[in-house]
PDB file of N, CA and C in Angstrom:
ATOM      1  N   UNK A   1     -16.754 -13.109  -1.652  1.00  0.00           N
ATOM      2  CA  UNK A   1     -18.023 -13.679  -0.871  1.00  0.00           C
ATOM      3  C   UNK A   1     -18.327 -12.751   0.491  1.00  0.00           C
ATOM      4  N   UNK A   2     -19.845 -12.458   0.483  1.00  0.00           N
ATOM      5  CA  UNK A   2     -20.310 -11.498   1.210  1.00  0.00           C
ATOM      6  C   UNK A   2     -19.747 -12.152   2.782  1.00  0.00           C
ATOM      7  N   UNK A   3     -19.636 -13.407   2.985  1.00  0.00           N
ATOM      8  CA  UNK A   3     -19.426 -13.943   4.460  1.00  0.00           C
ATOM      9  C   UNK A   3     -18.313 -13.795   4.815  1.00  0.00           C
ATOM     10  N   UNK A   4     -17.268 -13.542   3.843  1.00  0.00           N
ATOM     11  CA  UNK A   4     -15.937 -13.309   4.194  1.00  0.00           C
ATOM     12  C   UNK A   4     -15.458 -12.033   4.262  1.00  0.00           C
ATOM     13  N   UNK A   5     -16.483 -11.057   4.164  1.00  0.00           N
ATOM     14  CA  UNK A   5     -15.965  -9.762   4.009  1.00  0.00           C
ATOM     15  C   UNK A   5     -16.662  -8.841   5.307  1.00  0.00           C
ATOM     16  N   UNK A   6     -18.002  -9.241   5.705  1.00  0.00           N
ATOM     17  CA  UNK A   6     -18.280  -7.851   6.839  1.00  0.00           C
ATOM     18  C   UNK A   6     -18.370  -9.173   8.240  1.00  0.00           C
ATOM     19  N   UNK A   7     -17.999  -8.292   8.843  1.00  0.00           N
ATOM     20  CA  UNK A   7     -17.762  -9.013  10.653  1.00  0.00           C
ATOM     21  C   UNK A   7     -18.257  -8.559  11.465  1.00  0.00           C
ATOM     22  N   UNK A   8     -19.052  -8.606  12.676  1.00  0.00           N
ATOM     23  CA  UNK A   8     -19.476  -8.103  14.048  1.00  0.00           C
ATOM     24  C   UNK A   8     -18.507  -8.865  15.168  1.00  0.00           C
ATOM     25  N   UNK A   9     -18.588  -8.172  16.416  1.00  0.00           N
ATOM     26  CA  UNK A   9     -17.955  -8.817  17.466  1.00  0.00           C
ATOM     27  C   UNK A   9     -18.950  -9.209  18.299  1.00  0.00           C
ATOM     28  N   UNK A  10     -18.622 -10.561  18.667  1.00  0.00           N
ATOM     29  CA  UNK A  10     -19.720 -11.097  20.162  1.00  0.00           C
ATOM     30  C   UNK A  10     -18.287 -11.392  21.053  1.00  0.00           C
ATOM     31  N   UNK A  11     -18.845 -10.986  22.012  1.00  0.00           N
ATOM     32  CA  UNK A  11     -17.815 -11.172  23.231  1.00  0.00           C
ATOM     33  C   UNK A  11     -16.280 -11.144  23.214  1.00  0.00           C
ATOM     34  N   UNK A  12     -16.043 -10.011  22.100  1.00  0.00           N
ATOM     35  CA  UNK A  12     -14.623  -9.836  21.487  1.00  0.00           C
ATOM     36  C   UNK A  12     -14.129 -10.864  20.805  1.00  0.00           C
ATOM     37  N   UNK A  13     -14.956 -11.493  19.787  1.00  0.00           N
ATOM     38  CA  UNK A  13     -14.739 -12.469  19.019  1.00  0.00           C
ATOM     39  C   UNK A  13     -15.357 -12.120  17.671  1.00  0.00           C
ATOM     40  N   UNK A  14     -14.221 -12.046  16.808  1.00  0.00           N
ATOM     41  CA  UNK A  14     -14.967 -11.490  15.368  1.00  0.00           C
ATOM     42  C   UNK A  14     -15.893 -13.033  14.787  1.00  0.00           C
ATOM     43  N   UNK A  15     -16.997 -12.441  14.280  1.00  0.00           N
ATOM     44  CA  UNK A  15     -17.917 -13.541  13.794  1.00  0.00           C
ATOM     45  C   UNK A  15     -18.549 -12.851  12.410  1.00  0.00           C
ATOM     46  N   UNK A  16     -18.203 -13.739  11.176  1.00  0.00           N
ATOM     47  CA  UNK A  16     -18.703 -13.214  10.083  1.00  0.00           C
ATOM     48  C   UNK A  16     -20.246 -13.520  10.049  1.00  0.00           C
ATOM     49  N   UNK A  17     -20.761 -12.181   9.245  1.00  0.00           N
ATOM     50  CA  UNK A  17     -22.268 -12.325   8.934  1.00  0.00           C
ATOM     51  C   UNK A  17     -22.573 -12.601   7.798  1.00  0.00           C
ATOM     52  N   UNK A  18     -23.998 -13.200   7.696  1.00  0.00           N
ATOM     53  CA  UNK A  18     -24.513 -13.566   6.659  1.00  0.00           C
ATOM     54  C   UNK A  18     -25.354 -12.166   5.491  1.00  0.00           C
ATOM     55  N   UNK A  19     -25.585 -11.136   6.385  1.00  0.00           N
ATOM     56  CA  UNK A  19     -26.173 -10.195   5.732  1.00  0.00           C
ATOM     57  C   UNK A  19     -25.490  -8.894   6.040  1.00  0.00           C
ATOM     58  N   UNK A  20     -25.792  -8.042   5.063  1.00  0.00           N
ATOM     59  CA  UNK A  20     -25.297  -6.582   5.214  1.00  0.00           C
ATOM     60  C   UNK A  20     -26.214  -5.728   6.220  1.00  0.00           C
ATOM     61  N   UNK A  21     -27.232  -6.274   6.229  1.00  0.00           N
ATOM     62  CA  UNK A  21     -28.354  -5.613   7.148  1.00  0.00           C
ATOM     63  C   UNK A  21     -28.243  -5.908   8.462  1.00  0.00           C
ATOM     64  N   UNK A  22     -27.670  -7.104   8.989  1.00  0.00           N
ATOM     65  CA  UNK A  22     -27.160  -7.507  10.149  1.00  0.00           C
ATOM     66  C   UNK A  22     -26.239  -6.892  10.618  1.00  0.00           C
ATOM     67  N   UNK A  23     -24.731  -6.703   9.477  1.00  0.00           N
ATOM     68  CA  UNK A  23     -23.715  -6.217  10.096  1.00  0.00           C
ATOM     69  C   UNK A  23     -24.152  -4.251  10.075  1.00  0.00           C
ATOM     70  N   UNK A  24     -24.983  -3.790   9.266  1.00  0.00           N
ATOM     71  CA  UNK A  24     -25.516  -2.369   8.976  1.00  0.00           C
ATOM     72  C   UNK A  24     -26.032  -1.987  10.511  1.00  0.00           C
ATOM     73  N   UNK A  25     -27.023  -3.097  11.104  1.00  0.00           N
ATOM     74  CA  UNK A  25     -27.835  -2.594  12.328  1.00  0.00           C
ATOM     75  C   UNK A  25     -26.808  -2.666  13.511  1.00  0.00           C
ATOM     76  N   UNK A  26     -25.745  -3.968  13.638  1.00  0.00           N
ATOM     77  CA  UNK A  26     -24.782  -3.973  14.722  1.00  0.00           C
ATOM     78  C   UNK A  26     -23.843  -2.659  14.298  1.00  0.00           C
ATOM     79  N   UNK A  27     -23.221  -2.515  12.906  1.00  0.00           N
ATOM     80  CA  UNK A  27     -22.513  -1.475  13.224  1.00  0.00           C
ATOM     81  C   UNK A  27     -23.257   0.103  13.685  1.00  0.00           C
ATOM     82  N   UNK A  28     -24.233   0.562  13.529  1.00  0.00           N
ATOM     83  CA  UNK A  28     -25.080   1.651  13.988  1.00  0.00           C
ATOM     84  C   UNK A  28     -24.775   1.823  15.619  1.00  0.00           C
ATOM     85  N   UNK A  29     -24.998   0.779  16.085  1.00  0.00           N
ATOM     86  CA  UNK A  29     -25.115   0.802  17.355  1.00  0.00           C
ATOM     87  C   UNK A  29     -23.777   0.293  18.317  1.00  0.00           C
ATOM     88  N   UNK A  30     -22.905   0.312  17.740  1.00  0.00           N
ATOM     89  CA  UNK A  30     -21.614  -0.383  18.197  1.00  0.00           C
ATOM     90  C   UNK A  30     -20.689   0.432  18.464  1.00  0.00           C
ATOM     91  N   UNK A  31     -19.730   0.528  19.581  1.00  0.00           N
ATOM     92  CA  UNK A  31     -18.687   1.537  19.813  1.00  0.00           C
ATOM     93  C   UNK A  31     -17.533   0.463  19.488  1.00  0.00           C
ATOM     94  N   UNK A  32     -16.750   0.579  18.282  1.00  0.00           N
ATOM     95  CA  UNK A  32     -15.598   0.106  18.082  1.00  0.00           C
ATOM     96  C   UNK A  32     -14.388  -0.005  18.224  1.00  0.00           C
ATOM     97  N   UNK A  33     -14.275   0.679  19.176  1.00  0.00           N
ATOM     98  CA  UNK A  33     -13.029   1.589  19.986  1.00  0.00           C
ATOM     99  C   UNK A  33     -12.705   0.118  20.447  1.00  0.00           C
ATOM    100  N   UNK A  34     -11.022  -0.213  20.584  1.00  0.00           N
ATOM    101  CA  UNK A  34     -10.477  -1.231  21.089  1.00  0.00           C
ATOM    102  C   UNK A  34      -9.555  -0.191  22.273  1.00  0.00           C
ATOM    103  N   UNK A  35      -9.047   0.827  21.766  1.00  0.00           N
ATOM    104  CA  UNK A  35      -8.322   1.493  22.700  1.00  0.00           C
ATOM    105  C   UNK A  35      -7.734   3.042  21.991  1.00  0.00           C
ATOM    106  N   UNK A  36      -7.807   3.994  22.532  1.00  0.00           N
ATOM    107  CA  UNK A  36      -7.356   5.555  22.068  1.00  0.00           C
ATOM    108  C   UNK A  36      -6.142   5.701  23.414  1.00  0.00           C
ATOM    109  N   UNK A  37      -5.322   6.256  22.857  1.00  0.00           N
ATOM    110  CA  UNK A  37      -3.986   6.888  23.682  1.00  0.00           C
ATOM    111  C   UNK A  37      -3.374   8.212  23.144  1.00  0.00           C
ATOM    112  N   UNK A  38      -3.868   9.321  24.138  1.00  0.00           N
ATOM    113  CA  UNK A  38      -3.240  10.625  23.584  1.00  0.00           C
ATOM    114  C   UNK A  38      -1.662  10.779  24.188  1.00  0.00           C
ATOM    115  N   UNK A  39      -1.163  11.129  23.273  1.00  0.00           N
ATOM    116  CA  UNK A  39       0.495  11.307  23.917  1.00  0.00           C
ATOM    117  C   UNK A  39       0.857  12.824  23.172  1.00  0.00           C
ATOM    118  N   UNK A  40       0.714  13.704  24.004  1.00  0.00           N
ATOM    119  CA  UNK A  40       1.105  15.174  23.754  1.00  0.00           C
ATOM    120  C   UNK A  40      -0.042  15.269  22.598  1.00  0.00           C
ATOM    121  N   UNK A  41      -0.038  15.919  21.431  1.00  0.00           N
ATOM    122  CA  UNK A  41      -0.525  16.090  20.504  1.00  0.00           C
ATOM    123  C   UNK A  41      -1.172  15.206  19.277  1.00  0.00           C
ATOM    124  N   UNK A  42      -0.207  13.698  19.536  1.00  0.00           N
ATOM    125  CA  UNK A  42      -0.379  12.669  18.959  1.00  0.00           C
ATOM    126  C   UNK A  42      -1.459  11.407  19.517  1.00  0.00           C
ATOM    127  N   UNK A  43      -2.368  11.201  18.658  1.00  0.00           N
ATOM    128  CA  UNK A  43      -3.536  10.138  19.043  1.00  0.00           C
ATOM    129  C   UNK A  43      -3.257   8.719  18.359  1.00  0.00           C
ATOM    130  N   UNK A  44      -3.336   7.768  19.083  1.00  0.00           N
ATOM    131  CA  UNK A  44      -2.910   6.645  18.441  1.00  0.00           C
ATOM    132  C   UNK A  44      -4.149   5.960  18.862  1.00  0.00           C
ATOM    133  N   UNK A  45      -5.022   5.064  17.882  1.00  0.00           N
ATOM    134  CA  UNK A  45      -6.191   4.617  17.886  1.00  0.00           C
ATOM    135  C   UNK A  45      -6.076   3.336  17.254  1.00  0.00           C
ATOM    136  N   UNK A  46      -6.845   2.409  17.998  1.00  0.00           N
ATOM    137  CA  UNK A  46      -7.126   1.133  17.642  1.00  0.00           C
ATOM    138  C   UNK A  46      -8.479   0.727  17.458  1.00  0.00           C
ATOM    139  N   UNK A  47      -9.200   0.381  16.356  1.00  0.00           N
ATOM    140  CA  UNK A  47     -10.646  -0.284  16.357  1.00  0.00           C
ATOM    141  C   UNK A  47     -10.805  -1.290  15.605  1.00  0.00           C
ATOM    142  N   UNK A  48     -11.907  -1.541  15.974  1.00  0.00           N
ATOM    143  CA  UNK A  48     -12.307  -3.148  15.036  1.00  0.00           C
ATOM    144  C   UNK A  48     -12.784  -2.329  13.813  1.00  0.00           C
ATOM    145  N   UNK A  49     -12.602  -2.873  12.527  1.00  0.00           N
ATOM    146  CA  UNK A  49     -13.057  -2.454  11.191  1.00  0.00           C
ATOM    147  C   UNK A  49     -14.447  -2.800  11.080  1.00  0.00           C
ATOM    148  N   UNK A  50     -14.517  -4.044  11.286  1.00  0.00           N
ATOM    149  CA  UNK A  50     -15.932  -4.814  11.016  1.00  0.00           C
ATOM    150  C   UNK A  50     -15.813  -5.336   9.174  1.00  0.00           C
ATOM    151  N   UNK A  51     -14.676  -4.940   8.939  1.00  0.00           N
ATOM    152  CA  UNK A  51     -14.279  -5.152   7.346  1.00  0.00           C
ATOM    153  C   UNK A  51     -13.237  -6.091   7.159  1.00  0.00           C
ATOM    154  N   UNK A  52     -12.971  -6.791   6.499  1.00  0.00           N
ATOM    155  CA  UNK A  52     -11.865  -7.687   5.875  1.00  0.00           C
ATOM    156  C   UNK A  52     -11.287  -7.027   4.403  1.00  0.00           C
ATOM    157  N   UNK A  53     -10.612  -6.372   4.565  1.00  0.00           N
ATOM    158  CA  UNK A  53      -9.798  -6.057   3.284  1.00  0.00           C
ATOM    159  C   UNK A  53      -8.587  -6.706   3.086  1.00  0.00           C
ATOM    160  N   UNK A  54      -8.671  -8.023   3.160  1.00  0.00           N
ATOM    161  CA  UNK A  54      -7.852  -9.157   2.506  1.00  0.00           C
ATOM    162  C   UNK A  54      -8.527  -9.664   1.397  1.00  0.00           C
ATOM    163  N   UNK A  55      -7.644  -9.696  -0.013  1.00  0.00           N
ATOM    164  CA  UNK A  55      -8.498 -10.503  -1.021  1.00  0.00           C
ATOM    165  C   UNK A  55      -7.589 -11.567  -1.158  1.00  0.00           C
ATOM    166  N   UNK A  56      -6.552 -11.922  -0.524  1.00  0.00           N
ATOM    167  CA  UNK A  56      -6.080 -13.391  -1.028  1.00  0.00           C
ATOM    168  C   UNK A  56      -6.433 -14.533   0.072  1.00  0.00           C
ATOM    169  N   UNK A  57      -6.198 -15.603   0.101  1.00  0.00           N
ATOM    170  CA  UNK A  57      -6.945 -16.537   1.359  1.00  0.00           C
ATOM    171  C   UNK A  57      -5.798 -16.598   2.347  1.00  0.00           C
ATOM    172  N   UNK A  58      -6.119 -15.737   3.388  1.00  0.00           N
ATOM    173  CA  UNK A  58      -5.538 -15.560   4.246  1.00  0.00           C
ATOM    174  C   UNK A  58      -6.122 -15.076   5.617  1.00  0.00           C
ATOM    175  N   UNK A  59      -5.906 -14.964   6.745  1.00  0.00           N
ATOM    176  CA  UNK A  59      -6.230 -14.158   7.854  1.00  0.00           C
ATOM    177  C   UNK A  59      -6.875 -13.226   7.910  1.00  0.00           C
ATOM    178  N   UNK A  60      -8.332 -13.213   8.103  1.00  0.00           N
ATOM    179  CA  UNK A  60      -8.959 -11.814   7.995  1.00  0.00           C
ATOM    180  C   UNK A  60      -8.223 -10.649   8.870  1.00  0.00           C
ATOM    181  N   UNK A  61      -7.983  -9.225   8.275  1.00  0.00           N
ATOM    182  CA  UNK A  61      -7.412  -8.411   9.153  1.00  0.00           C
ATOM    183  C   UNK A  61      -8.452  -7.394   9.423  1.00  0.00           C
ATOM    184  N   UNK A  62      -8.766  -7.505  10.903  1.00  0.00           N
ATOM    185  CA  UNK A  62     -10.307  -6.679  11.172  1.00  0.00           C
ATOM    186  C   UNK A  62     -10.292  -5.873  12.191  1.00  0.00           C
ATOM    187  N   UNK A  63      -8.853  -5.442  12.738  1.00  0.00           N
ATOM    188  CA  UNK A  63      -8.393  -4.508  13.664  1.00  0.00           C
ATOM    189  C   UNK A  63      -7.600  -3.928  12.939  1.00  0.00           C
ATOM    190  N   UNK A  64      -7.188  -2.500  13.059  1.00  0.00           N
ATOM    191  CA  UNK A  64      -6.780  -1.245  12.984  1.00  0.00           C
ATOM    192  C   UNK A  64      -6.002  -0.573  14.009  1.00  0.00           C
ATOM    193  N   UNK A  65      -4.758  -0.175  14.241  1.00  0.00           N
ATOM    194  CA  UNK A  65      -4.188   0.759  14.811  1.00  0.00           C
ATOM    195  C   UNK A  65      -3.570   1.660  13.951  1.00  0.00           C
ATOM    196  N   UNK A  66      -3.617   3.154  14.184  1.00  0.00           N
ATOM    197  CA  UNK A  66      -3.544   4.284  13.249  1.00  0.00           C
ATOM    198  C   UNK A  66      -3.096   5.271  14.258  1.00  0.00           C
ATOM    199  N   UNK A  67      -1.708   5.982  13.748  1.00  0.00           N
ATOM    200  CA  UNK A  67      -1.113   7.146  14.257  1.00  0.00           C
ATOM    201  C   UNK A  67      -1.661   8.734  13.413  1.00  0.00           C
ATOM    202  N   UNK A  68      -2.237   9.702  14.680  1.00  0.00           N
ATOM    203  CA  UNK A  68      -2.847  10.442  14.060  1.00  0.00           C
ATOM    204  C   UNK A  68      -1.563  11.783  14.557  1.00  0.00           C
ATOM    205  N   UNK A  69      -0.987  12.399  13.951  1.00  0.00           N
ATOM    206  CA  UNK A  69       0.183  13.704  14.121  1.00  0.00           C
ATOM    207  C   UNK A  69       0.892  12.867  14.236  1.00  0.00           C
ATOM    208  N   UNK A  70       2.328  13.781  14.446  1.00  0.00           N
ATOM    209  CA  UNK A  70       3.732  13.378  15.107  1.00  0.00           C
ATOM    210  C   UNK A  70       4.368  13.017  14.074  1.00  0.00           C
ATOM    211  N   UNK A  71       5.624  12.473  13.910  1.00  0.00           N
ATOM    212  CA  UNK A  71       6.554  12.174  13.070  1.00  0.00           C
ATOM    213  C   UNK A  71       5.877  10.882  12.384  1.00  0.00           C
ATOM    214  N   UNK A  72       5.148  10.169  12.963  1.00  0.00           N
ATOM    215  CA  UNK A  72       4.521   8.749  12.430  1.00  0.00           C
ATOM    216  C   UNK A  72       3.073   8.558  11.843  1.00  0.00           C
ATOM    217  N   UNK A  73       2.861  10.067  11.917  1.00  0.00           N
ATOM    218  CA  UNK A  73       1.799  10.438  11.397  1.00  0.00           C
ATOM    219  C   UNK A  73       1.129   9.131  10.035  1.00  0.00           C
ATOM    220  N   UNK A  74       0.099   8.936  10.259  1.00  0.00           N
ATOM    221  CA  UNK A  74      -0.161   7.783   9.153  1.00  0.00           C
ATOM    222  C   UNK A  74      -0.042   6.245   9.163  1.00  0.00           C
ATOM    223  N   UNK A  75       1.046   6.127  10.328  1.00  0.00           N
ATOM    224  CA  UNK A  75       1.518   4.739  10.517  1.00  0.00           C
ATOM    225  C   UNK A  75       0.405   3.872  10.965  1.00  0.00           C
ATOM    226  N   UNK A  76       0.474   2.774  10.372  1.00  0.00           N
ATOM    227  CA  UNK A  76      -0.855   1.811  10.441  1.00  0.00           C
ATOM    228  C   UNK A  76      -0.514   0.358  10.729  1.00  0.00           C
ATOM    229  N   UNK A  77      -0.970  -0.219  11.634  1.00  0.00           N
ATOM    230  CA  UNK A  77      -0.760  -1.709  11.557  1.00  0.00           C
ATOM    231  C   UNK A  77      -2.215  -2.248  12.001  1.00  0.00           C
ATOM    232  N   UNK A  78      -2.513  -3.487  11.015  1.00  0.00           N
ATOM    233  CA  UNK A  78      -3.668  -4.376  11.086  1.00  0.00           C
ATOM    234  C   UNK A  78      -3.478  -5.780  11.660  1.00  0.00           C
ATOM    235  N   UNK A  79      -4.508  -6.279  12.402  1.00  0.00           N
ATOM    236  CA  UNK A  79      -4.540  -7.578  13.102  1.00  0.00           C
ATOM    237  C   UNK A  79      -5.724  -8.418  12.972  1.00  0.00           C
ATOM    238  N   UNK A  80      -5.697  -9.437  13.157  1.00  0.00           N
ATOM    239  CA  UNK A  80      -6.721 -10.668  13.061  1.00  0.00           C
ATOM    240  C   UNK A  80      -7.528 -10.612  14.156  1.00  0.00           C
ATOM    241  N   UNK A  81      -6.752 -10.631  15.371  1.00  0.00           N
ATOM    242  CA  UNK A  81      -7.414 -10.852  16.656  1.00  0.00           C
ATOM    243  C   UNK A  81      -7.606  -9.465  17.729  1.00  0.00           C
ATOM    244  N   UNK A  82      -8.295  -9.572  18.496  1.00  0.00           N
ATOM    245  CA  UNK A  82      -8.621  -8.777  19.557  1.00  0.00           C
ATOM    246  C   UNK A  82      -7.219  -8.505  20.381  1.00  0.00           C
ATOM    247  N   UNK A  83      -6.562  -9.696  20.931  1.00  0.00           N
ATOM    248  CA  UNK A  83      -5.576  -9.960  21.614  1.00  0.00           C
ATOM    249  C   UNK A  83      -3.957  -9.212  20.993  1.00  0.00           C
ATOM    250  N   UNK A  84      -4.347  -9.343  19.498  1.00  0.00           N
ATOM    251  CA  UNK A  84      -3.387  -8.826  19.001  1.00  0.00           C
ATOM    252  C   UNK A  84      -3.159  -7.326  18.623  1.00  0.00           C
ATOM    253  N   UNK A  85      -4.391  -6.846  18.534  1.00  0.00           N
ATOM    254  CA  UNK A  85      -4.968  -5.516  18.372  1.00  0.00           C
ATOM    255  C   UNK A  85      -4.267  -4.422  19.610  1.00  0.00           C
ATOM    256  N   UNK A  86      -4.739  -5.124  20.676  1.00  0.00           N
ATOM    257  CA  UNK A  86      -4.405  -4.767  21.854  1.00  0.00           C
ATOM    258  C   UNK A  86      -2.811  -4.860  22.290  1.00  0.00           C
ATOM    259  N   UNK A  87      -2.233  -5.558  22.170  1.00  0.00           N
ATOM    260  CA  UNK A  87      -0.563  -5.841  22.074  1.00  0.00           C
ATOM    261  C   UNK A  87       0.154  -4.573  20.691  1.00  0.00           C
ATOM    262  N   UNK A  88      -0.722  -4.688  19.638  1.00  0.00           N
ATOM    263  CA  UNK A  88      -0.117  -3.793  18.658  1.00  0.00           C
ATOM    264  C   UNK A  88      -0.494  -2.187  19.256  1.00  0.00           C
ATOM    265  N   UNK A  89      -1.640  -2.169  19.869  1.00  0.00           N
ATOM    266  CA  UNK A  89      -1.686  -0.591  19.944  1.00  0.00           C
ATOM    267  C   UNK A  89      -0.794  -0.543  21.074  1.00  0.00           C
ATOM    268  N   UNK A  90      -0.376  -1.202  22.176  1.00  0.00           N
ATOM    269  CA  UNK A  90       0.584  -0.880  23.116  1.00  0.00           C
ATOM    270  C   UNK A  90       1.900  -0.708  22.583  1.00  0.00           C
ATOM    271  N   UNK A  91       2.336  -1.505  21.476  1.00  0.00           N
ATOM    272  CA  UNK A  91       3.585  -1.579  20.909  1.00  0.00           C
ATOM    273  C   UNK A  91       3.631  -0.079  20.274  1.00  0.00           C
ATOM    274  N   UNK A  92       2.518   0.436  19.559  1.00  0.00           N
ATOM    275  CA  UNK A  92       2.394   1.667  18.710  1.00  0.00           C
ATOM    276  C   UNK A  92       2.753   2.750  19.549  1.00  0.00           C
ATOM    277  N   UNK A  93       2.042   2.781  20.622  1.00  0.00           N
ATOM    278  CA  UNK A  93       1.864   3.996  21.771  1.00  0.00           C
ATOM    279  C   UNK A  93       3.522   3.796  22.493  1.00  0.00           C
ATOM    280  N   UNK A  94       4.458   2.488  22.203  1.00  0.00           N
ATOM    281  CA  UNK A  94       5.660   3.085  22.803  1.00  0.00           C
ATOM    282  C   UNK A  94       6.542   3.507  21.778  1.00  0.00           C
ATOM    283  N   UNK A  95       6.166   3.035  20.629  1.00  0.00           N
ATOM    284  CA  UNK A  95       7.133   4.034  19.647  1.00  0.00           C
ATOM    285  C   UNK A  95       6.971   5.532  19.181  1.00  0.00           C
ATOM    286  N   UNK A  96       5.716   5.848  19.482  1.00  0.00           N
ATOM    287  CA  UNK A  96       5.541   7.289  19.409  1.00  0.00           C
ATOM    288  C   UNK A  96       6.045   7.933  20.467  1.00  0.00           C
ATOM    289  N   UNK A  97       6.054   7.587  21.884  1.00  0.00           N
ATOM    290  CA  UNK A  97       6.575   7.693  23.030  1.00  0.00           C
ATOM    291  C   UNK A  97       8.218   8.050  22.449  1.00  0.00           C
ATOM    292  N   UNK A  98       8.906   6.975  21.775  1.00  0.00           N
ATOM    293  CA  UNK A  98      10.297   7.073  21.557  1.00  0.00           C
ATOM    294  C   UNK A  98      10.627   8.171  20.071  1.00  0.00           C
ATOM    295  N   UNK A  99       9.580   8.803  19.825  1.00  0.00           N
ATOM    296  CA  UNK A  99       9.887   9.482  18.726  1.00  0.00           C
ATOM    297  C   UNK A  99       9.987  10.873  19.288  1.00  0.00           C
TER     298      UNK A  99
END
């Protein structure tokens, strides 16, 4: 169902949208970055996905932290809320620093 798949952020809160056109217009003009932290040559990036990859009946996973480079390259975590994403980003940064 479209409504359960496409999301935009309104004041930091994910909101499902009724049309792909509305989602596309928001997507083109929005910086979806939650946080980026560089540790040496490693980048930890957390973004708002705008899409819910969940197929089962569960909370949508709309934010993603991904590690680029280093021994944790490709390590990824997903979250349902902006607050979870911010905490998850800091947790991943600490993991990278310990490697």
